[in-house]
Each structure stands twice: as C-alpha cells, then as structure tokens.
C-alpha cells in the first residue's frame, strides 16, 4: 500500500470533550490533495486559518503537543493521538477541521481515530510518498531522559518509562512498525497519570476535561480503574512518540529509542534529525 501518497476516501466527523480545556469540541477529517500534507483548520475562527502539522508549527506546551500559525497566532493542541493514527494508517494528506482550540480526547487513546479513518476509507493518490532514512545516530538528552535515532533496516520503536513511586513502575516496549498490530495492541492504550499529578495540573488550569472515562489514573498504591493491558502506560507513550515524529512529514526508517521522555524531547529529536542532516528524505 505504501509507495504512493494516500488520503481519506470520504469525510468523517467526531465530537467529544477537550482534555485540557474541558470544552465540547467537534472535529472532522476530510480528503486532501496529494502533496498538501496533514493540515488543521480552525473553522471556529474568522477566515478558518490553517495550521500545518509540521515541525515549523510547534509551540511550547505542557502535557501535550501544540501547533500554532500566524500573527496573532492561532493554535490547536492535543493533536498527537490523531497524528499517530494518520501516520500508522498511511494517511499523508488530510484536512482536519476543528471547532475549538484542541482536539477531543475521546477515550484517551488513538483507537477512536483509527476506527474513524477505517470508516472513511483510504484512497491512493498519484504522487510518491516520502521516506526518511536515519543515516547517523542522533541523541537528545534532558537529565537522564533521552531519545535516540539509530540506523536500522526497518522502522522500530523502543520506549522505557520508570515511575518507581506508584503502580506504573518500570515498563519497556520494543515494537516493529506493523499496521494490524498497532490497531490491536497500541492504538487502544489510553493516556495515563498519577493522581497527585492530576491535582497539580488542574490547579494550573490543565486537564479540565480529564476523567476516568478518558484516562487511566493511579494513586501511590493502586490503579483507580481497570487497564486494557498490564503495560498500557508505555504503549500509550509509543502513541505520543509516533504522533510527534509524524511532524517530520515522512515515513521513518530507523530505530527510535526513548527513555523517560516526553513531548518536548520527542520534538527536539525530530528537529535535530533535520538540523544535523542525519535524516535522508527521498521518494519511496
């Protein structure tokens, strides 16, 4: 199926609550021309300003990925779960119309977006897709946290997390890119948090729409709800990583290894790959 670019075969709409704003938000996914990329459109704003899902649109944010464009800037945040679904399902071009400042969190995973894309269908286009091949090792650090990109003949992603003071504990996952396995084993993993972090974030005006309906939360001793997988947190970190690296605008060939990382470090790796010339981008 790869080799050529792809878009949606039809449009599809979703609605839900924003994780950070707590506002009801609708969004719709539409087919887009070859070469146009994945573009967010704030249809609730005058002139429906567009925000390309590219590294150049990144803006600083806490606990999510935020894109902005223009002056004064128009923003859209919490885009990573949808971008991961589009990336793995091979949707290179998509017009994403959003009726608010962030995407709906839905159930906290990428699965509702995967299901929506499957319902809309996938259409091949007449331009070649782009492949980014990692030529030389690149690593970015923040304390003991790091993300590395290594040459590898396939697309592989390894992630490690360590929350020693709660039931999350230490978890590792190594995954070779595989679309059916993503749908079954990665996409359903929900965003997660420690109870004390939720309380602090809410004091800062964040995660106003968070609940046990769209996240998994643990106290210092136990999970407050059932898990879909014993290692659901690290599976969800892989979703975040895939969504963030999709901002490179190409498929990746190489081995990405992350440890105790977050969105900011994911973004730094992507930026360093381009800046260093270690990523060779060519047509598939």
C-alpha atoms as a PDB file:
ATOM      1  CA  UNK A   1       0.000   0.000   0.000  1.00  0.00           C
ATOM      2  CA  UNK A   2       2.947   2.341   0.574  1.00  0.00           C
ATOM      3  CA  UNK A   3       4.920   3.835  -2.270  1.00  0.00           C
ATOM      4  CA  UNK A   4       2.214   6.323  -3.168  1.00  0.00           C
ATOM      5  CA  UNK A   5       0.663   9.015  -1.020  1.00  0.00           C
ATOM      6  CA  UNK A   6      -2.785   8.397   0.463  1.00  0.00           C
ATOM      7  CA  UNK A   7      -5.720  10.408   1.724  1.00  0.00           C
ATOM      8  CA  UNK A   8      -9.174   9.590   3.039  1.00  0.00           C
ATOM      9  CA  UNK A   9     -11.789   8.218   0.662  1.00  0.00           C
ATOM     10  CA  UNK A  10     -14.557  10.232   2.374  1.00  0.00           C
ATOM     11  CA  UNK A  11     -15.129  12.635   5.268  1.00  0.00           C
ATOM     12  CA  UNK A  12     -15.875  11.643   8.854  1.00  0.00           C
ATOM     13  CA  UNK A  13     -16.827  13.662  11.955  1.00  0.00           C
ATOM     14  CA  UNK A  14     -16.077  13.137  15.650  1.00  0.00           C
ATOM     15  CA  UNK A  15     -17.017  15.052  18.774  1.00  0.00           C
ATOM     16  CA  UNK A  16     -16.118  14.958  22.427  1.00  0.00           C
ATOM     17  CA  UNK A  17     -14.581  16.989  25.217  1.00  0.00           C
ATOM     18  CA  UNK A  18     -11.189  18.688  25.195  1.00  0.00           C
ATOM     19  CA  UNK A  19      -8.791  17.135  27.710  1.00  0.00           C
ATOM     20  CA  UNK A  20      -7.241  20.406  28.851  1.00  0.00           C
ATOM     21  CA  UNK A  21      -9.999  22.957  28.193  1.00  0.00           C
ATOM     22  CA  UNK A  22     -12.920  20.763  29.229  1.00  0.00           C
ATOM     23  CA  UNK A  23     -14.899  22.282  26.342  1.00  0.00           C
ATOM     24  CA  UNK A  24     -17.174  20.307  23.993  1.00  0.00           C
ATOM     25  CA  UNK A  25     -15.339  20.124  20.663  1.00  0.00           C
ATOM     26  CA  UNK A  26     -16.143  18.733  17.250  1.00  0.00           C
ATOM     27  CA  UNK A  27     -13.677  17.864  14.522  1.00  0.00           C
ATOM     28  CA  UNK A  28     -13.968  16.389  11.055  1.00  0.00           C
ATOM     29  CA  UNK A  29     -11.451  14.671   8.796  1.00  0.00           C
ATOM     30  CA  UNK A  30     -11.570  15.287   5.044  1.00  0.00           C
ATOM     31  CA  UNK A  31      -9.737  14.123   1.906  1.00  0.00           C
ATOM     32  CA  UNK A  32      -6.942  16.453   0.792  1.00  0.00           C
ATOM     33  CA  UNK A  33      -4.893  16.817  -2.423  1.00  0.00           C
ATOM     34  CA  UNK A  34      -1.614  14.953  -2.882  1.00  0.00           C
ATOM     35  CA  UNK A  35       1.314  16.914  -1.515  1.00  0.00           C
ATOM     36  CA  UNK A  36      -0.802  19.053   0.814  1.00  0.00           C
ATOM     37  CA  UNK A  37       0.103  17.163   3.992  1.00  0.00           C
ATOM     38  CA  UNK A  38      -1.884  16.983   7.194  1.00  0.00           C
ATOM     39  CA  UNK A  39      -3.392  20.384   7.950  1.00  0.00           C
ATOM     40  CA  UNK A  40      -5.515  21.543  10.878  1.00  0.00           C
ATOM     41  CA  UNK A  41      -8.155  24.175  10.145  1.00  0.00           C
ATOM     42  CA  UNK A  42      -9.685  26.264  12.945  1.00  0.00           C
ATOM     43  CA  UNK A  43     -13.154  26.598  11.426  1.00  0.00           C
ATOM     44  CA  UNK A  44     -14.388  28.381  14.570  1.00  0.00           C
ATOM     45  CA  UNK A  45     -12.084  31.332  13.818  1.00  0.00           C
ATOM     46  CA  UNK A  46     -12.599  34.122  11.235  1.00  0.00           C
ATOM     47  CA  UNK A  47     -11.184  33.075   7.885  1.00  0.00           C
ATOM     48  CA  UNK A  48     -10.717  29.457   9.027  1.00  0.00           C
ATOM     49  CA  UNK A  49      -6.919  29.751   9.486  1.00  0.00           C
ATOM     50  CA  UNK A  50      -4.821  26.703   8.620  1.00  0.00           C
ATOM     51  CA  UNK A  51      -2.113  25.159  10.799  1.00  0.00           C
ATOM     52  CA  UNK A  52       0.155  22.641   9.020  1.00  0.00           C
ATOM     53  CA  UNK A  53       1.107  19.585  11.074  1.00  0.00           C
ATOM     54  CA  UNK A  54       4.824  20.213  10.634  1.00  0.00           C
ATOM     55  CA  UNK A  55       7.756  20.899  12.942  1.00  0.00           C
ATOM     56  CA  UNK A  56       7.690  24.568  11.967  1.00  0.00           C
ATOM     57  CA  UNK A  57       4.282  24.923  13.630  1.00  0.00           C
ATOM     58  CA  UNK A  58       5.411  23.679  17.056  1.00  0.00           C
ATOM     59  CA  UNK A  59       4.915  25.885  20.101  1.00  0.00           C
ATOM     60  CA  UNK A  60       5.846  25.217  23.758  1.00  0.00           C
ATOM     61  CA  UNK A  61       3.178  23.360  25.731  1.00  0.00           C
ATOM     62  CA  UNK A  62       2.742  21.264  28.855  1.00  0.00           C
ATOM     63  CA  UNK A  63       1.442  17.677  28.719  1.00  0.00           C
ATOM     64  CA  UNK A  64       0.552  17.744  25.012  1.00  0.00           C
ATOM     65  CA  UNK A  65       1.684  18.774  21.527  1.00  0.00           C
ATOM     66  CA  UNK A  66       0.597  22.261  20.477  1.00  0.00           C
ATOM     67  CA  UNK A  67       0.760  23.724  16.969  1.00  0.00           C
ATOM     68  CA  UNK A  68       0.344  27.376  16.041  1.00  0.00           C
ATOM     69  CA  UNK A  69       0.423  29.583  12.975  1.00  0.00           C
ATOM     70  CA  UNK A  70       0.139  33.255  12.087  1.00  0.00           C
ATOM     71  CA  UNK A  71       0.390  36.533  13.959  1.00  0.00           C
ATOM     72  CA  UNK A  72      -1.541  36.880  16.160  1.00  0.00           C
ATOM     73  CA  UNK A  73      -1.180  33.134  16.465  1.00  0.00           C
ATOM     74  CA  UNK A  74      -3.975  30.611  16.131  1.00  0.00           C
ATOM     75  CA  UNK A  75      -3.390  27.369  17.995  1.00  0.00           C
ATOM     76  CA  UNK A  76      -4.552  23.773  18.179  1.00  0.00           C
ATOM     77  CA  UNK A  77      -3.358  21.338  20.831  1.00  0.00           C
ATOM     78  CA  UNK A  78      -3.647  17.689  21.904  1.00  0.00           C
ATOM     79  CA  UNK A  79      -3.072  16.634  18.295  1.00  0.00           C
ATOM     80  CA  UNK A  80      -0.717  13.712  18.935  1.00  0.00           C
ATOM     81  CA  UNK A  81      -3.224  10.834  19.102  1.00  0.00           C
ATOM     82  CA  UNK A  82      -4.835  11.708  15.776  1.00  0.00           C
ATOM     83  CA  UNK A  83      -1.447  12.284  14.146  1.00  0.00           C
ATOM     84  CA  UNK A  84      -0.241   8.863  15.313  1.00  0.00           C
ATOM     85  CA  UNK A  85      -3.309   7.212  13.784  1.00  0.00           C
ATOM     86  CA  UNK A  86      -2.878   9.076  10.491  1.00  0.00           C
ATOM     87  CA  UNK A  87       0.833   8.214  10.397  1.00  0.00           C
ATOM     88  CA  UNK A  88       0.473   4.483  11.001  1.00  0.00           C
ATOM     89  CA  UNK A  89      -2.544   4.121   8.707  1.00  0.00           C
ATOM     90  CA  UNK A  90      -0.576   5.834   5.941  1.00  0.00           C
ATOM     91  CA  UNK A  91      -2.682   8.991   5.553  1.00  0.00           C
ATOM     92  CA  UNK A  92      -0.240  11.530   4.134  1.00  0.00           C
ATOM     93  CA  UNK A  93      -2.800  14.195   3.246  1.00  0.00           C
ATOM     94  CA  UNK A  94      -5.774  15.178   5.387  1.00  0.00           C
ATOM     95  CA  UNK A  95      -7.748  18.350   6.104  1.00  0.00           C
ATOM     96  CA  UNK A  96      -8.642  18.333   9.804  1.00  0.00           C
ATOM     97  CA  UNK A  97     -11.353  20.862  10.653  1.00  0.00           C
ATOM     98  CA  UNK A  98     -11.529  21.687  14.369  1.00  0.00           C
ATOM     99  CA  UNK A  99     -14.209  23.705  16.161  1.00  0.00           C
ATOM    100  CA  UNK A 100     -12.043  24.743  19.090  1.00  0.00           C
ATOM    101  CA  UNK A 101      -8.503  25.115  20.457  1.00  0.00           C
ATOM    102  CA  UNK A 102      -7.818  21.385  20.847  1.00  0.00           C
ATOM    103  CA  UNK A 103      -8.933  18.020  19.540  1.00  0.00           C
ATOM    104  CA  UNK A 104     -11.445  15.988  21.544  1.00  0.00           C
ATOM    105  CA  UNK A 105      -9.740  13.478  23.815  1.00  0.00           C
ATOM    106  CA  UNK A 106     -12.441  10.832  23.128  1.00  0.00           C
ATOM    107  CA  UNK A 107     -11.482   7.752  25.194  1.00  0.00           C
ATOM    108  CA  UNK A 108      -7.888   8.932  25.737  1.00  0.00           C
ATOM    109  CA  UNK A 109      -6.380   6.605  23.132  1.00  0.00           C
ATOM    110  CA  UNK A 110      -5.813   6.631  19.370  1.00  0.00           C
ATOM    111  CA  UNK A 111      -8.419   3.925  18.754  1.00  0.00           C
ATOM    112  CA  UNK A 112     -11.444   6.183  18.032  1.00  0.00           C
ATOM    113  CA  UNK A 113      -9.385   7.982  15.376  1.00  0.00           C
ATOM    114  CA  UNK A 114      -8.245   4.658  13.892  1.00  0.00           C
ATOM    115  CA  UNK A 115     -11.860   3.498  13.712  1.00  0.00           C
ATOM    116  CA  UNK A 116     -12.981   6.776  12.126  1.00  0.00           C
ATOM    117  CA  UNK A 117     -10.267   6.559   9.463  1.00  0.00           C
ATOM    118  CA  UNK A 118     -11.231   2.956   8.716  1.00  0.00           C
ATOM    119  CA  UNK A 119     -14.858   4.038   8.334  1.00  0.00           C
ATOM    120  CA  UNK A 120     -13.910   6.883   5.984  1.00  0.00           C
ATOM    121  CA  UNK A 121     -11.711   4.596   3.877  1.00  0.00           C
ATOM    122  CA  UNK A 122      -8.273   5.169   2.372  1.00  0.00           C
ATOM    123  CA  UNK A 123      -7.613   6.413  -1.166  1.00  0.00           C
ATOM    124  CA  UNK A 124      -4.298   6.119  -3.045  1.00  0.00           C
ATOM    125  CA  UNK A 125      -3.008   9.230  -4.820  1.00  0.00           C
ATOM    126  CA  UNK A 126      -0.741   9.815  -7.802  1.00  0.00           C
ATOM    127  CA  UNK A 127       2.325  11.205  -6.014  1.00  0.00           C
ATOM    128  CA  UNK A 128       5.074   9.138  -4.348  1.00  0.00           C
ATOM    129  CA  UNK A 129       5.233   9.056  -0.566  1.00  0.00           C
ATOM    130  CA  UNK A 130       8.310  10.314   1.271  1.00  0.00           C
ATOM    131  CA  UNK A 131      10.616   8.094   3.320  1.00  0.00           C
ATOM    132  CA  UNK A 132      13.088   9.435   5.872  1.00  0.00           C
ATOM    133  CA  UNK A 133      16.059   7.102   6.403  1.00  0.00           C
ATOM    134  CA  UNK A 134      18.186   7.642   9.504  1.00  0.00           C
ATOM    135  CA  UNK A 135      21.807   7.714   8.311  1.00  0.00           C
ATOM    136  CA  UNK A 136      23.728   8.503  11.506  1.00  0.00           C
ATOM    137  CA  UNK A 137      22.940   8.133  15.225  1.00  0.00           C
ATOM    138  CA  UNK A 138      21.379  11.166  16.895  1.00  0.00           C
ATOM    139  CA  UNK A 139      20.564  11.501  20.608  1.00  0.00           C
ATOM    140  CA  UNK A 140      18.991  14.299  22.638  1.00  0.00           C
ATOM    141  CA  UNK A 141      19.075  14.372  26.446  1.00  0.00           C
ATOM    142  CA  UNK A 142      17.255  16.046  29.337  1.00  0.00           C
ATOM    143  CA  UNK A 143      18.863  14.862  32.568  1.00  0.00           C
ATOM    144  CA  UNK A 144      18.675  11.067  32.494  1.00  0.00           C
ATOM    145  CA  UNK A 145      15.868  11.115  29.912  1.00  0.00           C
ATOM    146  CA  UNK A 146      16.818  10.682  26.260  1.00  0.00           C
ATOM    147  CA  UNK A 147      15.578   9.890  22.783  1.00  0.00           C
ATOM    148  CA  UNK A 148      17.908   8.327  20.190  1.00  0.00           C
ATOM    149  CA  UNK A 149      17.537   7.719  16.470  1.00  0.00           C
ATOM    150  CA  UNK A 150      19.677   4.895  15.092  1.00  0.00           C
ATOM    151  CA  UNK A 151      20.160   3.480  11.585  1.00  0.00           C
ATOM    152  CA  UNK A 152      18.101   0.314  11.109  1.00  0.00           C
ATOM    153  CA  UNK A 153      16.771  -1.589   8.061  1.00  0.00           C
ATOM    154  CA  UNK A 154      13.146  -1.329   9.268  1.00  0.00           C
ATOM    155  CA  UNK A 155      11.021   1.006  11.400  1.00  0.00           C
ATOM    156  CA  UNK A 156      11.394   0.043  15.066  1.00  0.00           C
ATOM    157  CA  UNK A 157      10.457   1.923  18.223  1.00  0.00           C
ATOM    158  CA  UNK A 158      11.606   1.133  21.769  1.00  0.00           C
ATOM    159  CA  UNK A 159      10.292   3.001  24.803  1.00  0.00           C
ATOM    160  CA  UNK A 160      11.070   2.811  28.507  1.00  0.00           C
ATOM    161  CA  UNK A 161       9.391   4.563  31.441  1.00  0.00           C
ATOM    162  CA  UNK A 162      10.079   4.416  35.180  1.00  0.00           C
ATOM    163  CA  UNK A 163       7.663   5.612  37.871  1.00  0.00           C
ATOM    164  CA  UNK A 164       9.092   3.846  40.910  1.00  0.00           C
ATOM    165  CA  UNK A 165       6.762   5.528  43.421  1.00  0.00           C
ATOM    166  CA  UNK A 166       3.478   4.137  42.060  1.00  0.00           C
ATOM    167  CA  UNK A 167       1.953   1.076  40.339  1.00  0.00           C
ATOM    168  CA  UNK A 168       3.247   2.151  36.919  1.00  0.00           C
ATOM    169  CA  UNK A 169       6.771   1.086  37.854  1.00  0.00           C
ATOM    170  CA  UNK A 170       9.336   0.377  35.138  1.00  0.00           C
ATOM    171  CA  UNK A 171       7.996  -0.661  31.739  1.00  0.00           C
ATOM    172  CA  UNK A 172       9.700  -1.305  28.395  1.00  0.00           C
ATOM    173  CA  UNK A 173       8.229  -1.937  24.976  1.00  0.00           C
ATOM    174  CA  UNK A 174      10.006  -2.637  21.680  1.00  0.00           C
ATOM    175  CA  UNK A 175       7.777  -2.584  18.623  1.00  0.00           C
ATOM    176  CA  UNK A 176       8.416  -3.012  14.900  1.00  0.00           C
ATOM    177  CA  UNK A 177       6.010  -0.942  12.829  1.00  0.00           C
ATOM    178  CA  UNK A 178       3.074  -3.125  11.848  1.00  0.00           C
ATOM    179  CA  UNK A 179      -0.325  -1.679  11.000  1.00  0.00           C
ATOM    180  CA  UNK A 180      -2.590  -4.542  12.186  1.00  0.00           C
ATOM    181  CA  UNK A 181      -0.624  -4.858  15.417  1.00  0.00           C
ATOM    182  CA  UNK A 182      -0.907  -1.102  16.017  1.00  0.00           C
ATOM    183  CA  UNK A 183      -4.688  -1.301  15.713  1.00  0.00           C
ATOM    184  CA  UNK A 184      -4.914  -4.270  18.080  1.00  0.00           C
ATOM    185  CA  UNK A 185      -2.118  -3.662  20.570  1.00  0.00           C
ATOM    186  CA  UNK A 186      -1.054   0.002  20.590  1.00  0.00           C
ATOM    187  CA  UNK A 187      -3.918   2.272  19.495  1.00  0.00           C
ATOM    188  CA  UNK A 188      -6.268   1.289  22.385  1.00  0.00           C
ATOM    189  CA  UNK A 189      -3.742   2.351  25.072  1.00  0.00           C
ATOM    190  CA  UNK A 190      -5.055   5.390  26.950  1.00  0.00           C
ATOM    191  CA  UNK A 191      -3.317   8.433  28.366  1.00  0.00           C
ATOM    192  CA  UNK A 192      -2.256   7.968  31.974  1.00  0.00           C
ATOM    193  CA  UNK A 193      -1.425   9.989  35.063  1.00  0.00           C
ATOM    194  CA  UNK A 194      -0.630   9.766  38.744  1.00  0.00           C
ATOM    195  CA  UNK A 195      -3.389  11.101  40.980  1.00  0.00           C
ATOM    196  CA  UNK A 196      -1.120  13.731  42.542  1.00  0.00           C
ATOM    197  CA  UNK A 197      -0.107  14.999  39.096  1.00  0.00           C
ATOM    198  CA  UNK A 198      -3.755  15.338  38.079  1.00  0.00           C
ATOM    199  CA  UNK A 199      -4.444  17.533  41.094  1.00  0.00           C
ATOM    200  CA  UNK A 200      -1.431  19.756  40.377  1.00  0.00           C
ATOM    201  CA  UNK A 201      -2.322  20.078  36.684  1.00  0.00           C
ATOM    202  CA  UNK A 202      -5.883  21.108  37.480  1.00  0.00           C
ATOM    203  CA  UNK A 203      -4.589  23.809  39.808  1.00  0.00           C
ATOM    204  CA  UNK A 204      -2.675  25.144  36.780  1.00  0.00           C
ATOM    205  CA  UNK A 205      -5.836  25.141  34.647  1.00  0.00           C
ATOM    206  CA  UNK A 206      -4.955  21.976  32.717  1.00  0.00           C
ATOM    207  CA  UNK A 207      -6.817  18.680  32.108  1.00  0.00           C
ATOM    208  CA  UNK A 208     -10.171  20.275  32.933  1.00  0.00           C
ATOM    209  CA  UNK A 209     -11.835  17.587  30.808  1.00  0.00           C
ATOM    210  CA  UNK A 210      -9.922  14.641  32.233  1.00  0.00           C
ATOM    211  CA  UNK A 211     -11.835  11.787  33.848  1.00  0.00           C
ATOM    212  CA  UNK A 212     -11.675   8.040  34.330  1.00  0.00           C
ATOM    213  CA  UNK A 213     -13.662   7.842  31.078  1.00  0.00           C
ATOM    214  CA  UNK A 214     -10.709   9.137  29.055  1.00  0.00           C
ATOM    215  CA  UNK A 215      -7.598   8.331  31.111  1.00  0.00           C
ATOM    216  CA  UNK A 216      -6.124   5.761  33.455  1.00  0.00           C
ATOM    217  CA  UNK A 217      -5.109   7.154  36.837  1.00  0.00           C
ATOM    218  CA  UNK A 218      -3.221   5.587  39.718  1.00  0.00           C
ATOM    219  CA  UNK A 219      -2.722   6.501  43.349  1.00  0.00           C
ATOM    220  CA  UNK A 220       0.526   5.657  45.116  1.00  0.00           C
ATOM    221  CA  UNK A 221      -0.760   2.122  45.711  1.00  0.00           C
ATOM    222  CA  UNK A 222      -3.313   1.152  43.050  1.00  0.00           C
ATOM    223  CA  UNK A 223      -4.981   1.890  39.741  1.00  0.00           C
ATOM    224  CA  UNK A 224      -8.337   3.663  40.056  1.00  0.00           C
ATOM    225  CA  UNK A 225      -9.828   1.718  37.151  1.00  0.00           C
ATOM    226  CA  UNK A 226      -9.192  -1.371  35.014  1.00  0.00           C
ATOM    227  CA  UNK A 227      -6.323  -1.470  32.498  1.00  0.00           C
ATOM    228  CA  UNK A 228      -6.588  -2.655  28.907  1.00  0.00           C
ATOM    229  CA  UNK A 229      -3.021  -4.032  29.067  1.00  0.00           C
ATOM    230  CA  UNK A 230      -0.680  -4.622  32.027  1.00  0.00           C
ATOM    231  CA  UNK A 231       1.788  -2.232  30.356  1.00  0.00           C
ATOM    232  CA  UNK A 232      -0.798   0.218  28.995  1.00  0.00           C
ATOM    233  CA  UNK A 233       1.198   3.337  30.013  1.00  0.00           C
ATOM    234  CA  UNK A 234       4.286   2.529  27.940  1.00  0.00           C
ATOM    235  CA  UNK A 235       2.101   1.537  24.988  1.00  0.00           C
ATOM    236  CA  UNK A 236       0.494   4.954  25.187  1.00  0.00           C
ATOM    237  CA  UNK A 237       3.901   6.636  25.242  1.00  0.00           C
ATOM    238  CA  UNK A 238       4.551   4.987  21.898  1.00  0.00           C
ATOM    239  CA  UNK A 239       1.391   6.637  20.518  1.00  0.00           C
ATOM    240  CA  UNK A 240       2.675  10.029  21.666  1.00  0.00           C
ATOM    241  CA  UNK A 241       6.095   9.368  20.106  1.00  0.00           C
ATOM    242  CA  UNK A 242       4.609   8.342  16.749  1.00  0.00           C
ATOM    243  CA  UNK A 243       2.339  11.375  16.653  1.00  0.00           C
ATOM    244  CA  UNK A 244       5.184  13.744  17.475  1.00  0.00           C
ATOM    245  CA  UNK A 245       7.596  12.250  14.928  1.00  0.00           C
ATOM    246  CA  UNK A 246       4.900  12.439  12.239  1.00  0.00           C
ATOM    247  CA  UNK A 247       5.609  16.188  12.202  1.00  0.00           C
ATOM    248  CA  UNK A 248       8.690  15.332  10.105  1.00  0.00           C
ATOM    249  CA  UNK A 249       6.266  14.818   7.206  1.00  0.00           C
ATOM    250  CA  UNK A 250       7.658  11.468   6.068  1.00  0.00           C
ATOM    251  CA  UNK A 251       7.745   7.798   6.916  1.00  0.00           C
ATOM    252  CA  UNK A 252      10.687   6.783   9.090  1.00  0.00           C
ATOM    253  CA  UNK A 253      13.202   4.001   8.609  1.00  0.00           C
ATOM    254  CA  UNK A 254      15.370   3.516  11.665  1.00  0.00           C
ATOM    255  CA  UNK A 255      15.256   2.559  15.336  1.00  0.00           C
ATOM    256  CA  UNK A 256      13.944   5.176  17.764  1.00  0.00           C
ATOM    257  CA  UNK A 257      14.808   4.509  21.415  1.00  0.00           C
ATOM    258  CA  UNK A 258      13.263   6.677  24.154  1.00  0.00           C
ATOM    259  CA  UNK A 259      13.620   6.583  27.928  1.00  0.00           C
ATOM    260  CA  UNK A 260      11.632   8.685  30.421  1.00  0.00           C
ATOM    261  CA  UNK A 261      10.962  11.154  27.617  1.00  0.00           C
ATOM    262  CA  UNK A 262       8.012  13.407  26.809  1.00  0.00           C
ATOM    263  CA  UNK A 263       6.667  15.571  24.023  1.00  0.00           C
ATOM    264  CA  UNK A 264       9.395  18.221  24.310  1.00  0.00           C
ATOM    265  CA  UNK A 265      12.175  15.653  23.952  1.00  0.00           C
ATOM    266  CA  UNK A 266      10.385  13.914  21.069  1.00  0.00           C
ATOM    267  CA  UNK A 267      10.212  17.276  19.297  1.00  0.00           C
ATOM    268  CA  UNK A 268      13.881  18.014  19.968  1.00  0.00           C
ATOM    269  CA  UNK A 269      14.899  14.721  18.383  1.00  0.00           C
ATOM    270  CA  UNK A 270      12.841  15.435  15.270  1.00  0.00           C
ATOM    271  CA  UNK A 271      14.346  18.914  14.982  1.00  0.00           C
ATOM    272  CA  UNK A 272      17.880  17.588  15.486  1.00  0.00           C
ATOM    273  CA  UNK A 273      17.378  14.922  12.814  1.00  0.00           C
ATOM    274  CA  UNK A 274      16.675  17.655  10.281  1.00  0.00           C
ATOM    275  CA  UNK A 275      19.291  20.097  11.577  1.00  0.00           C
ATOM    276  CA  UNK A 276      22.102  17.521  11.640  1.00  0.00           C
ATOM    277  CA  UNK A 277      21.402  16.167   8.175  1.00  0.00           C
ATOM    278  CA  UNK A 278      21.174  12.664   9.642  1.00  0.00           C
ATOM    279  CA  UNK A 279      17.768  12.061   8.054  1.00  0.00           C
ATOM    280  CA  UNK A 280      17.851  11.373   4.312  1.00  0.00           C
ATOM    281  CA  UNK A 281      14.380  12.069   2.889  1.00  0.00           C
ATOM    282  CA  UNK A 282      13.547  10.702  -0.545  1.00  0.00           C
ATOM    283  CA  UNK A 283      10.614   9.380  -2.534  1.00  0.00           C
ATOM    284  CA  UNK A 284       9.586   5.789  -1.820  1.00  0.00           C
END
